Amino acid sequence: FEPDLAGLGLAPELLARLDPMAHVALHA
């Protein structure tokens, strides 16, 4: 799945390096 990480209060570079666990949390 492709998490929507745009417009969040964290740097995109950091968000991209986070564990898939964080991406699942952000997406849901």
mmCIF file of all heavy atoms, coordinates in Angstrom:
data_MODEL
# 
_entry.id   MODEL 
# 
loop_
_atom_site.group_PDB 
_atom_site.id 
_atom_site.type_symbol 
_atom_site.label_atom_id 
_atom_site.label_alt_id 
_atom_site.label_comp_id 
_atom_site.label_asym_id 
_atom_site.label_entity_id 
_atom_site.label_seq_id 
_atom_site.pdbx_PDB_ins_code 
_atom_site.Cartn_x 
_atom_site.Cartn_y 
_atom_site.Cartn_z 
_atom_site.occupancy 
_atom_site.B_iso_or_equiv 
_atom_site.pdbx_formal_charge 
_atom_site.auth_seq_id 
_atom_site.auth_comp_id 
_atom_site.auth_asym_id 
_atom_site.auth_atom_id 
_atom_site.pdbx_PDB_model_num 
ATOM 1   N N   . PHE A 1 1  ? 0.852  -1.184 0.000  1.00 0.00 ? 1  PHE A N   1 
ATOM 2   C CA  . PHE A 1 1  ? 0.000  0.000  0.000  1.00 0.00 ? 1  PHE A CA  1 
ATOM 3   C C   . PHE A 1 1  ? 0.886  1.231  0.000  1.00 0.00 ? 1  PHE A C   1 
ATOM 4   O O   . PHE A 1 1  ? 2.048  1.185  0.411  1.00 0.00 ? 1  PHE A O   1 
ATOM 5   C CB  . PHE A 1 1  ? -0.940 0.015  1.214  1.00 0.00 ? 1  PHE A CB  1 
ATOM 6   C CG  . PHE A 1 1  ? -0.266 0.320  2.522  1.00 0.00 ? 1  PHE A CG  1 
ATOM 7   C CD1 . PHE A 1 1  ? -0.317 1.594  3.072  1.00 0.00 ? 1  PHE A CD1 1 
ATOM 8   C CD2 . PHE A 1 1  ? 0.436  -0.662 3.205  1.00 0.00 ? 1  PHE A CD2 1 
ATOM 9   C CE1 . PHE A 1 1  ? 0.324  1.881  4.269  1.00 0.00 ? 1  PHE A CE1 1 
ATOM 10  C CE2 . PHE A 1 1  ? 1.066  -0.380 4.404  1.00 0.00 ? 1  PHE A CE2 1 
ATOM 11  C CZ  . PHE A 1 1  ? 1.013  0.892  4.941  1.00 0.00 ? 1  PHE A CZ  1 
ATOM 12  N N   . GLU A 1 2  ? 0.352  2.334  -0.487 1.00 0.00 ? 2  GLU A N   1 
ATOM 13  C CA  . GLU A 1 2  ? 1.080  3.588  -0.548 1.00 0.00 ? 2  GLU A CA  1 
ATOM 14  C C   . GLU A 1 2  ? 0.502  4.543  0.491  1.00 0.00 ? 2  GLU A C   1 
ATOM 15  O O   . GLU A 1 2  ? -0.557 5.125  0.280  1.00 0.00 ? 2  GLU A O   1 
ATOM 16  C CB  . GLU A 1 2  ? 0.985  4.202  -1.952 1.00 0.00 ? 2  GLU A CB  1 
ATOM 17  C CG  . GLU A 1 2  ? 1.756  3.454  -3.017 1.00 0.00 ? 2  GLU A CG  1 
ATOM 18  C CD  . GLU A 1 2  ? 3.260  3.508  -2.795 1.00 0.00 ? 2  GLU A CD  1 
ATOM 19  O OE1 . GLU A 1 2  ? 3.741  4.506  -2.211 1.00 0.00 ? 2  GLU A OE1 1 
ATOM 20  O OE2 . GLU A 1 2  ? 3.947  2.549  -3.187 1.00 0.00 ? 2  GLU A OE2 1 
ATOM 21  N N   . PRO A 1 3  ? 1.164  4.723  1.622  1.00 0.00 ? 3  PRO A N   1 
ATOM 22  C CA  . PRO A 1 3  ? 0.631  5.652  2.631  1.00 0.00 ? 3  PRO A CA  1 
ATOM 23  C C   . PRO A 1 3  ? 0.693  7.083  2.135  1.00 0.00 ? 3  PRO A C   1 
ATOM 24  O O   . PRO A 1 3  ? 1.645  7.479  1.450  1.00 0.00 ? 3  PRO A O   1 
ATOM 25  C CB  . PRO A 1 3  ? 1.562  5.429  3.826  1.00 0.00 ? 3  PRO A CB  1 
ATOM 26  C CG  . PRO A 1 3  ? 2.846  4.958  3.221  1.00 0.00 ? 3  PRO A CG  1 
ATOM 27  C CD  . PRO A 1 3  ? 2.458  4.141  2.020  1.00 0.00 ? 3  PRO A CD  1 
ATOM 28  N N   . ASP A 1 4  ? -0.328 7.860  2.480  1.00 0.00 ? 4  ASP A N   1 
ATOM 29  C CA  . ASP A 1 4  ? -0.350 9.275  2.135  1.00 0.00 ? 4  ASP A CA  1 
ATOM 30  C C   . ASP A 1 4  ? 0.416  10.028 3.207  1.00 0.00 ? 4  ASP A C   1 
ATOM 31  O O   . ASP A 1 4  ? -0.082 10.241 4.306  1.00 0.00 ? 4  ASP A O   1 
ATOM 32  C CB  . ASP A 1 4  ? -1.806 9.760  2.044  1.00 0.00 ? 4  ASP A CB  1 
ATOM 33  C CG  . ASP A 1 4  ? -1.893 11.233 1.664  1.00 0.00 ? 4  ASP A CG  1 
ATOM 34  O OD1 . ASP A 1 4  ? -0.838 11.845 1.392  1.00 0.00 ? 4  ASP A OD1 1 
ATOM 35  O OD2 . ASP A 1 4  ? -3.015 11.771 1.643  1.00 0.00 ? 4  ASP A OD2 1 
ATOM 36  N N   . LEU A 1 5  ? 1.634  10.443 2.888  1.00 0.00 ? 5  LEU A N   1 
ATOM 37  C CA  . LEU A 1 5  ? 2.503  11.097 3.863  1.00 0.00 ? 5  LEU A CA  1 
ATOM 38  C C   . LEU A 1 5  ? 2.655  12.589 3.588  1.00 0.00 ? 5  LEU A C   1 
ATOM 39  O O   . LEU A 1 5  ? 3.501  13.255 4.195  1.00 0.00 ? 5  LEU A O   1 
ATOM 40  C CB  . LEU A 1 5  ? 3.885  10.431 3.856  1.00 0.00 ? 5  LEU A CB  1 
ATOM 41  C CG  . LEU A 1 5  ? 3.908  8.914  4.112  1.00 0.00 ? 5  LEU A CG  1 
ATOM 42  C CD1 . LEU A 1 5  ? 5.329  8.383  4.064  1.00 0.00 ? 5  LEU A CD1 1 
ATOM 43  C CD2 . LEU A 1 5  ? 3.259  8.577  5.444  1.00 0.00 ? 5  LEU A CD2 1 
ATOM 44  N N   . ALA A 1 6  ? 1.837  13.119 2.699  1.00 0.00 ? 6  ALA A N   1 
ATOM 45  C CA  . ALA A 1 6  ? 1.954  14.537 2.335  1.00 0.00 ? 6  ALA A CA  1 
ATOM 46  C C   . ALA A 1 6  ? 1.325  15.424 3.405  1.00 0.00 ? 6  ALA A C   1 
ATOM 47  O O   . ALA A 1 6  ? 0.332  15.065 4.033  1.00 0.00 ? 6  ALA A O   1 
ATOM 48  C CB  . ALA A 1 6  ? 1.263  14.788 0.986  1.00 0.00 ? 6  ALA A CB  1 
ATOM 49  N N   . GLY A 1 7  ? 1.928  16.596 3.596  1.00 0.00 ? 7  GLY A N   1 
ATOM 50  C CA  . GLY A 1 7  ? 1.344  17.610 4.460  1.00 0.00 ? 7  GLY A CA  1 
ATOM 51  C C   . GLY A 1 7  ? 1.372  17.291 5.936  1.00 0.00 ? 7  GLY A C   1 
ATOM 52  O O   . GLY A 1 7  ? 0.596  17.879 6.704  1.00 0.00 ? 7  GLY A O   1 
ATOM 53  N N   . LEU A 1 8  ? 2.243  16.408 6.386  1.00 0.00 ? 8  LEU A N   1 
ATOM 54  C CA  . LEU A 1 8  ? 2.316  16.046 7.796  1.00 0.00 ? 8  LEU A CA  1 
ATOM 55  C C   . LEU A 1 8  ? 3.399  16.855 8.499  1.00 0.00 ? 8  LEU A C   1 
ATOM 56  O O   . LEU A 1 8  ? 4.288  17.424 7.861  1.00 0.00 ? 8  LEU A O   1 
ATOM 57  C CB  . LEU A 1 8  ? 2.588  14.546 7.942  1.00 0.00 ? 8  LEU A CB  1 
ATOM 58  C CG  . LEU A 1 8  ? 1.521  13.620 7.347  1.00 0.00 ? 8  LEU A CG  1 
ATOM 59  C CD1 . LEU A 1 8  ? 1.947  12.163 7.466  1.00 0.00 ? 8  LEU A CD1 1 
ATOM 60  C CD2 . LEU A 1 8  ? 0.183  13.833 8.033  1.00 0.00 ? 8  LEU A CD2 1 
ATOM 61  N N   . GLY A 1 9  ? 3.347  16.877 9.824  1.00 0.00 ? 9  GLY A N   1 
ATOM 62  C CA  . GLY A 1 9  ? 4.252  17.701 10.603 1.00 0.00 ? 9  GLY A CA  1 
ATOM 63  C C   . GLY A 1 9  ? 5.595  17.068 10.876 1.00 0.00 ? 9  GLY A C   1 
ATOM 64  O O   . GLY A 1 9  ? 6.199  17.346 11.923 1.00 0.00 ? 9  GLY A O   1 
ATOM 65  N N   . LEU A 1 10 ? 6.074  16.247 9.991  1.00 0.00 ? 10 LEU A N   1 
ATOM 66  C CA  . LEU A 1 10 ? 7.405  15.654 10.080 1.00 0.00 ? 10 LEU A CA  1 
ATOM 67  C C   . LEU A 1 10 ? 8.061  15.742 8.711  1.00 0.00 ? 10 LEU A C   1 
ATOM 68  O O   . LEU A 1 10 ? 7.373  15.707 7.673  1.00 0.00 ? 10 LEU A O   1 
ATOM 69  C CB  . LEU A 1 10 ? 7.330  14.187 10.520 1.00 0.00 ? 10 LEU A CB  1 
ATOM 70  C CG  . LEU A 1 10 ? 7.016  13.930 11.998 1.00 0.00 ? 10 LEU A CG  1 
ATOM 71  C CD1 . LEU A 1 10 ? 6.672  12.470 12.218 1.00 0.00 ? 10 LEU A CD1 1 
ATOM 72  C CD2 . LEU A 1 10 ? 8.200  14.323 12.880 1.00 0.00 ? 10 LEU A CD2 1 
ATOM 73  N N   . ALA A 1 11 ? 9.361  15.832 8.694  1.00 0.00 ? 11 ALA A N   1 
ATOM 74  C CA  . ALA A 1 11 ? 10.085 15.954 7.428  1.00 0.00 ? 11 ALA A CA  1 
ATOM 75  C C   . ALA A 1 11 ? 9.827  14.731 6.550  1.00 0.00 ? 11 ALA A C   1 
ATOM 76  O O   . ALA A 1 11 ? 9.898  13.593 7.029  1.00 0.00 ? 11 ALA A O   1 
ATOM 77  C CB  . ALA A 1 11 ? 11.578 16.096 7.696  1.00 0.00 ? 11 ALA A CB  1 
ATOM 78  N N   . PRO A 1 12 ? 9.525  14.954 5.266  1.00 0.00 ? 12 PRO A N   1 
ATOM 79  C CA  . PRO A 1 12 ? 9.286  13.811 4.364  1.00 0.00 ? 12 PRO A CA  1 
ATOM 80  C C   . PRO A 1 12 ? 10.445 12.817 4.345  1.00 0.00 ? 12 PRO A C   1 
ATOM 81  O O   . PRO A 1 12 ? 10.224 11.611 4.229  1.00 0.00 ? 12 PRO A O   1 
ATOM 82  C CB  . PRO A 1 12 ? 9.094  14.489 3.001  1.00 0.00 ? 12 PRO A CB  1 
ATOM 83  C CG  . PRO A 1 12 ? 8.649  15.883 3.315  1.00 0.00 ? 12 PRO A CG  1 
ATOM 84  C CD  . PRO A 1 12 ? 9.350  16.244 4.592  1.00 0.00 ? 12 PRO A CD  1 
ATOM 85  N N   . GLU A 1 13 ? 11.682 13.329 4.464  1.00 0.00 ? 13 GLU A N   1 
ATOM 86  C CA  . GLU A 1 13 ? 12.841 12.425 4.439  1.00 0.00 ? 13 GLU A CA  1 
ATOM 87  C C   . GLU A 1 13 ? 12.822 11.476 5.637  1.00 0.00 ? 13 GLU A C   1 
ATOM 88  O O   . GLU A 1 13 ? 13.142 10.293 5.513  1.00 0.00 ? 13 GLU A O   1 
ATOM 89  C CB  . GLU A 1 13 ? 14.143 13.233 4.444  1.00 0.00 ? 13 GLU A CB  1 
ATOM 90  C CG  . GLU A 1 13 ? 14.314 14.177 3.266  1.00 0.00 ? 13 GLU A CG  1 
ATOM 91  C CD  . GLU A 1 13 ? 13.523 15.465 3.436  1.00 0.00 ? 13 GLU A CD  1 
ATOM 92  O OE1 . GLU A 1 13 ? 13.099 15.780 4.576  1.00 0.00 ? 13 GLU A OE1 1 
ATOM 93  O OE2 . GLU A 1 13 ? 13.292 16.157 2.426  1.00 0.00 ? 13 GLU A OE2 1 
ATOM 94  N N   . LEU A 1 14 ? 12.426 12.006 6.803  1.00 0.00 ? 14 LEU A N   1 
ATOM 95  C CA  . LEU A 1 14 ? 12.333 11.156 7.991  1.00 0.00 ? 14 LEU A CA  1 
ATOM 96  C C   . LEU A 1 14 ? 11.179 10.174 7.864  1.00 0.00 ? 14 LEU A C   1 
ATOM 97  O O   . LEU A 1 14 ? 11.327 8.984  8.169  1.00 0.00 ? 14 LEU A O   1 
ATOM 98  C CB  . LEU A 1 14 ? 12.153 12.017 9.239  1.00 0.00 ? 14 LEU A CB  1 
ATOM 99  C CG  . LEU A 1 14 ? 11.894 11.260 10.550 1.00 0.00 ? 14 LEU A CG  1 
ATOM 100 C CD1 . LEU A 1 14 ? 13.052 10.328 10.879 1.00 0.00 ? 14 LEU A CD1 1 
ATOM 101 C CD2 . LEU A 1 14 ? 11.639 12.226 11.693 1.00 0.00 ? 14 LEU A CD2 1 
ATOM 102 N N   . LEU A 1 15 ? 10.028 10.655 7.418  1.00 0.00 ? 15 LEU A N   1 
ATOM 103 C CA  . LEU A 1 15 ? 8.866  9.775  7.269  1.00 0.00 ? 15 LEU A CA  1 
ATOM 104 C C   . LEU A 1 15 ? 9.182  8.590  6.374  1.00 0.00 ? 15 LEU A C   1 
ATOM 105 O O   . LEU A 1 15 ? 8.768  7.461  6.648  1.00 0.00 ? 15 LEU A O   1 
ATOM 106 C CB  . LEU A 1 15 ? 7.686  10.567 6.696  1.00 0.00 ? 15 LEU A CB  1 
ATOM 107 C CG  . LEU A 1 15 ? 6.996  11.540 7.653  1.00 0.00 ? 15 LEU A CG  1 
ATOM 108 C CD1 . LEU A 1 15 ? 6.053  12.445 6.887  1.00 0.00 ? 15 LEU A CD1 1 
ATOM 109 C CD2 . LEU A 1 15 ? 6.238  10.776 8.737  1.00 0.00 ? 15 LEU A CD2 1 
ATOM 110 N N   . ALA A 1 16 ? 9.930  8.845  5.315  1.00 0.00 ? 16 ALA A N   1 
ATOM 111 C CA  . ALA A 1 16 ? 10.249 7.769  4.378  1.00 0.00 ? 16 ALA A CA  1 
ATOM 112 C C   . ALA A 1 16 ? 11.152 6.716  5.004  1.00 0.00 ? 16 ALA A C   1 
ATOM 113 O O   . ALA A 1 16 ? 11.152 5.559  4.570  1.00 0.00 ? 16 ALA A O   1 
ATOM 114 C CB  . ALA A 1 16 ? 10.912 8.349  3.129  1.00 0.00 ? 16 ALA A CB  1 
ATOM 115 N N   . ARG A 1 17 ? 11.915 7.092  6.047  1.00 0.00 ? 17 ARG A N   1 
ATOM 116 C CA  . ARG A 1 17 ? 12.857 6.159  6.669  1.00 0.00 ? 17 ARG A CA  1 
ATOM 117 C C   . ARG A 1 17 ? 12.259 5.430  7.861  1.00 0.00 ? 17 ARG A C   1 
ATOM 118 O O   . ARG A 1 17 ? 12.935 4.607  8.481  1.00 0.00 ? 17 ARG A O   1 
ATOM 119 C CB  . ARG A 1 17 ? 14.125 6.902  7.109  1.00 0.00 ? 17 ARG A CB  1 
ATOM 120 C CG  . ARG A 1 17 ? 14.930 7.512  5.987  1.00 0.00 ? 17 ARG A CG  1 
ATOM 121 C CD  . ARG A 1 17 ? 16.338 7.847  6.440  1.00 0.00 ? 17 ARG A CD  1 
ATOM 122 N NE  . ARG A 1 17 ? 16.360 8.740  7.589  1.00 0.00 ? 17 ARG A NE  1 
ATOM 123 C CZ  . ARG A 1 17 ? 16.357 10.067 7.528  1.00 0.00 ? 17 ARG A CZ  1 
ATOM 124 N NH1 . ARG A 1 17 ? 16.315 10.658 6.339  1.00 0.00 ? 17 ARG A NH1 1 
ATOM 125 N NH2 . ARG A 1 17 ? 16.413 10.800 8.625  1.00 0.00 ? 17 ARG A NH2 1 
ATOM 126 N N   . LEU A 1 18 ? 11.013 5.730  8.194  1.00 0.00 ? 18 LEU A N   1 
ATOM 127 C CA  . LEU A 1 18 ? 10.395 5.084  9.346  1.00 0.00 ? 18 LEU A CA  1 
ATOM 128 C C   . LEU A 1 18 ? 9.928  3.674  9.001  1.00 0.00 ? 18 LEU A C   1 
ATOM 129 O O   . LEU A 1 18 ? 9.644  3.347  7.847  1.00 0.00 ? 18 LEU A O   1 
ATOM 130 C CB  . LEU A 1 18 ? 9.220  5.914  9.839  1.00 0.00 ? 18 LEU A CB  1 
ATOM 131 C CG  . LEU A 1 18 ? 9.563  7.269  10.459 1.00 0.00 ? 18 LEU A CG  1 
ATOM 132 C CD1 . LEU A 1 18 ? 8.297  7.985  10.894 1.00 0.00 ? 18 LEU A CD1 1 
ATOM 133 C CD2 . LEU A 1 18 ? 10.538 7.125  11.622 1.00 0.00 ? 18 LEU A CD2 1 
ATOM 134 N N   . ASP A 1 19 ? 9.820  2.864  10.043 1.00 0.00 ? 19 ASP A N   1 
ATOM 135 C CA  . ASP A 1 19 ? 9.394  1.475  9.900  1.00 0.00 ? 19 ASP A CA  1 
ATOM 136 C C   . ASP A 1 19 ? 7.996  1.391  9.283  1.00 0.00 ? 19 ASP A C   1 
ATOM 137 O O   . ASP A 1 19 ? 7.165  2.297  9.483  1.00 0.00 ? 19 ASP A O   1 
ATOM 138 C CB  . ASP A 1 19 ? 9.373  0.818  11.285 1.00 0.00 ? 19 ASP A CB  1 
ATOM 139 C CG  . ASP A 1 19 ? 9.249  -0.679 11.220 1.00 0.00 ? 19 ASP A CG  1 
ATOM 140 O OD1 . ASP A 1 19 ? 8.103  -1.171 11.182 1.00 0.00 ? 19 ASP A OD1 1 
ATOM 141 O OD2 . ASP A 1 19 ? 10.283 -1.354 11.200 1.00 0.00 ? 19 ASP A OD2 1 
ATOM 142 N N   . PRO A 1 20 ? 7.708  0.325  8.537  1.00 0.00 ? 20 PRO A N   1 
ATOM 143 C CA  . PRO A 1 20 ? 6.341  0.140  8.026  1.00 0.00 ? 20 PRO A CA  1 
ATOM 144 C C   . PRO A 1 20 ? 5.269  0.226  9.098  1.00 0.00 ? 20 PRO A C   1 
ATOM 145 O O   . PRO A 1 20 ? 4.130  0.611  8.817  1.00 0.00 ? 20 PRO A O   1 
ATOM 146 C CB  . PRO A 1 20 ? 6.398  -1.264 7.406  1.00 0.00 ? 20 PRO A CB  1 
ATOM 147 C CG  . PRO A 1 20 ? 7.818  -1.429 6.985  1.00 0.00 ? 20 PRO A CG  1 
ATOM 148 C CD  . PRO A 1 20 ? 8.626  -0.709 8.021  1.00 0.00 ? 20 PRO A CD  1 
ATOM 149 N N   . MET A 1 21 ? 5.604  -0.108 10.366 1.00 0.00 ? 21 MET A N   1 
ATOM 150 C CA  . MET A 1 21 ? 4.654  0.027  11.455 1.00 0.00 ? 21 MET A CA  1 
ATOM 151 C C   . MET A 1 21 ? 4.135  1.461  11.542 1.00 0.00 ? 21 MET A C   1 
ATOM 152 O O   . MET A 1 21 ? 2.927  1.699  11.715 1.00 0.00 ? 21 MET A O   1 
ATOM 153 C CB  . MET A 1 21 ? 5.314  -0.359 12.776 1.00 0.00 ? 21 MET A CB  1 
ATOM 154 C CG  . MET A 1 21 ? 4.478  -0.068 14.019 1.00 0.00 ? 21 MET A CG  1 
ATOM 155 S SD  . MET A 1 21 ? 5.294  -0.532 15.567 1.00 0.00 ? 21 MET A SD  1 
ATOM 156 C CE  . MET A 1 21 ? 6.685  0.588  15.607 1.00 0.00 ? 21 MET A CE  1 
ATOM 157 N N   . ALA A 1 22 ? 5.024  2.447  11.423 1.00 0.00 ? 22 ALA A N   1 
ATOM 158 C CA  . ALA A 1 22 ? 4.618  3.846  11.484 1.00 0.00 ? 22 ALA A CA  1 
ATOM 159 C C   . ALA A 1 22 ? 3.768  4.219  10.283 1.00 0.00 ? 22 ALA A C   1 
ATOM 160 O O   . ALA A 1 22 ? 2.817  5.001  10.392 1.00 0.00 ? 22 ALA A O   1 
ATOM 161 C CB  . ALA A 1 22 ? 5.851  4.746  11.572 1.00 0.00 ? 22 ALA A CB  1 
ATOM 162 N N   . HIS A 1 23 ? 4.072  3.666  9.115  1.00 0.00 ? 23 HIS A N   1 
ATOM 163 C CA  . HIS A 1 23 ? 3.288  3.970  7.916  1.00 0.00 ? 23 HIS A CA  1 
ATOM 164 C C   . HIS A 1 23 ? 1.868  3.415  8.027  1.00 0.00 ? 23 HIS A C   1 
ATOM 165 O O   . HIS A 1 23 ? 0.901  4.063  7.608  1.00 0.00 ? 23 HIS A O   1 
ATOM 166 C CB  . HIS A 1 23 ? 3.991  3.407  6.680  1.00 0.00 ? 23 HIS A CB  1 
ATOM 167 C CG  . HIS A 1 23 ? 5.287  4.086  6.378  1.00 0.00 ? 23 HIS A CG  1 
ATOM 168 N ND1 . HIS A 1 23 ? 6.222  3.565  5.503  1.00 0.00 ? 23 HIS A ND1 1 
ATOM 169 C CD2 . HIS A 1 23 ? 5.823  5.245  6.851  1.00 0.00 ? 23 HIS A CD2 1 
ATOM 170 C CE1 . HIS A 1 23 ? 7.259  4.375  5.429  1.00 0.00 ? 23 HIS A CE1 1 
ATOM 171 N NE2 . HIS A 1 23 ? 7.053  5.399  6.244  1.00 0.00 ? 23 HIS A NE2 1 
ATOM 172 N N   . VAL A 1 24 ? 1.728  2.219  8.598  1.00 0.00 ? 24 VAL A N   1 
ATOM 173 C CA  . VAL A 1 24 ? 0.389  1.662  8.824  1.00 0.00 ? 24 VAL A CA  1 
ATOM 174 C C   . VAL A 1 24 ? -0.396 2.575  9.763  1.00 0.00 ? 24 VAL A C   1 
ATOM 175 O O   . VAL A 1 24 ? -1.568 2.891  9.522  1.00 0.00 ? 24 VAL A O   1 
ATOM 176 C CB  . VAL A 1 24 ? 0.488  0.233  9.412  1.00 0.00 ? 24 VAL A CB  1 
ATOM 177 C CG1 . VAL A 1 24 ? -0.895 -0.262 9.840  1.00 0.00 ? 24 VAL A CG1 1 
ATOM 178 C CG2 . VAL A 1 24 ? 1.086  -0.721 8.388  1.00 0.00 ? 24 VAL A CG2 1 
ATOM 179 N N   . ALA A 1 25 ? 0.245  3.017  10.847 1.00 0.00 ? 25 ALA A N   1 
ATOM 180 C CA  . ALA A 1 25 ? -0.427 3.888  11.813 1.00 0.00 ? 25 ALA A CA  1 
ATOM 181 C C   . ALA A 1 25 ? -0.865 5.191  11.163 1.00 0.00 ? 25 ALA A C   1 
ATOM 182 O O   . ALA A 1 25 ? -2.005 5.645  11.347 1.00 0.00 ? 25 ALA A O   1 
ATOM 183 C CB  . ALA A 1 25 ? 0.500  4.165  12.994 1.00 0.00 ? 25 ALA A CB  1 
ATOM 184 N N   . LEU A 1 26 ? 0.013  5.825  10.412 1.00 0.00 ? 26 LEU A N   1 
ATOM 185 C CA  . LEU A 1 26 ? -0.314 7.095  9.766  1.00 0.00 ? 26 LEU A CA  1 
ATOM 186 C C   . LEU A 1 26 ? -1.453 6.934  8.768  1.00 0.00 ? 26 LEU A C   1 
ATOM 187 O O   . LEU A 1 26 ? -2.365 7.765  8.687  1.00 0.00 ? 26 LEU A O   1 
ATOM 188 C CB  . LEU A 1 26 ? 0.925  7.653  9.071  1.00 0.00 ? 26 LEU A CB  1 
ATOM 189 C CG  . LEU A 1 26 ? 2.014  8.204  9.988  1.00 0.00 ? 26 LEU A CG  1 
ATOM 190 C CD1 . LEU A 1 26 ? 3.315  8.397  9.213  1.00 0.00 ? 26 LEU A CD1 1 
ATOM 191 C CD2 . LEU A 1 26 ? 1.579  9.526  10.608 1.00 0.00 ? 26 LEU A CD2 1 
ATOM 192 N N   . HIS A 1 27 ? -1.412 5.863  8.000  1.00 0.00 ? 27 HIS A N   1 
ATOM 193 C CA  . HIS A 1 27 ? -2.429 5.628  6.967  1.00 0.00 ? 27 HIS A CA  1 
ATOM 194 C C   . HIS A 1 27 ? -3.812 5.443  7.589  1.00 0.00 ? 27 HIS A C   1 
ATOM 195 O O   . HIS A 1 27 ? -4.789 6.071  7.163  1.00 0.00 ? 27 HIS A O   1 
ATOM 196 C CB  . HIS A 1 27 ? -2.037 4.383  6.166  1.00 0.00 ? 27 HIS A CB  1 
ATOM 197 C CG  . HIS A 1 27 ? -2.921 4.112  4.986  1.00 0.00 ? 27 HIS A CG  1 
ATOM 198 N ND1 . HIS A 1 27 ? -2.704 4.670  3.745  1.00 0.00 ? 27 HIS A ND1 1 
ATOM 199 C CD2 . HIS A 1 27 ? -4.027 3.336  4.854  1.00 0.00 ? 27 HIS A CD2 1 
ATOM 200 C CE1 . HIS A 1 27 ? -3.641 4.255  2.908  1.00 0.00 ? 27 HIS A CE1 1 
ATOM 201 N NE2 . HIS A 1 27 ? -4.457 3.442  3.556  1.00 0.00 ? 27 HIS A NE2 1 
ATOM 202 N N   . ALA A 1 28 ? -3.902 4.585  8.607  1.00 0.00 ? 28 ALA A N   1 
ATOM 203 C CA  . ALA A 1 28 ? -5.201 4.297  9.221  1.00 0.00 ? 28 ALA A CA  1 
ATOM 204 C C   . ALA A 1 28 ? -5.686 5.465  10.075 1.00 0.00 ? 28 ALA A C   1 
ATOM 205 O O   . ALA A 1 28 ? -6.879 5.801  10.074 1.00 0.00 ? 28 ALA A O   1 
ATOM 206 C CB  . ALA A 1 28 ? -5.110 3.024  10.057 1.00 0.00 ? 28 ALA A CB  1 
# 
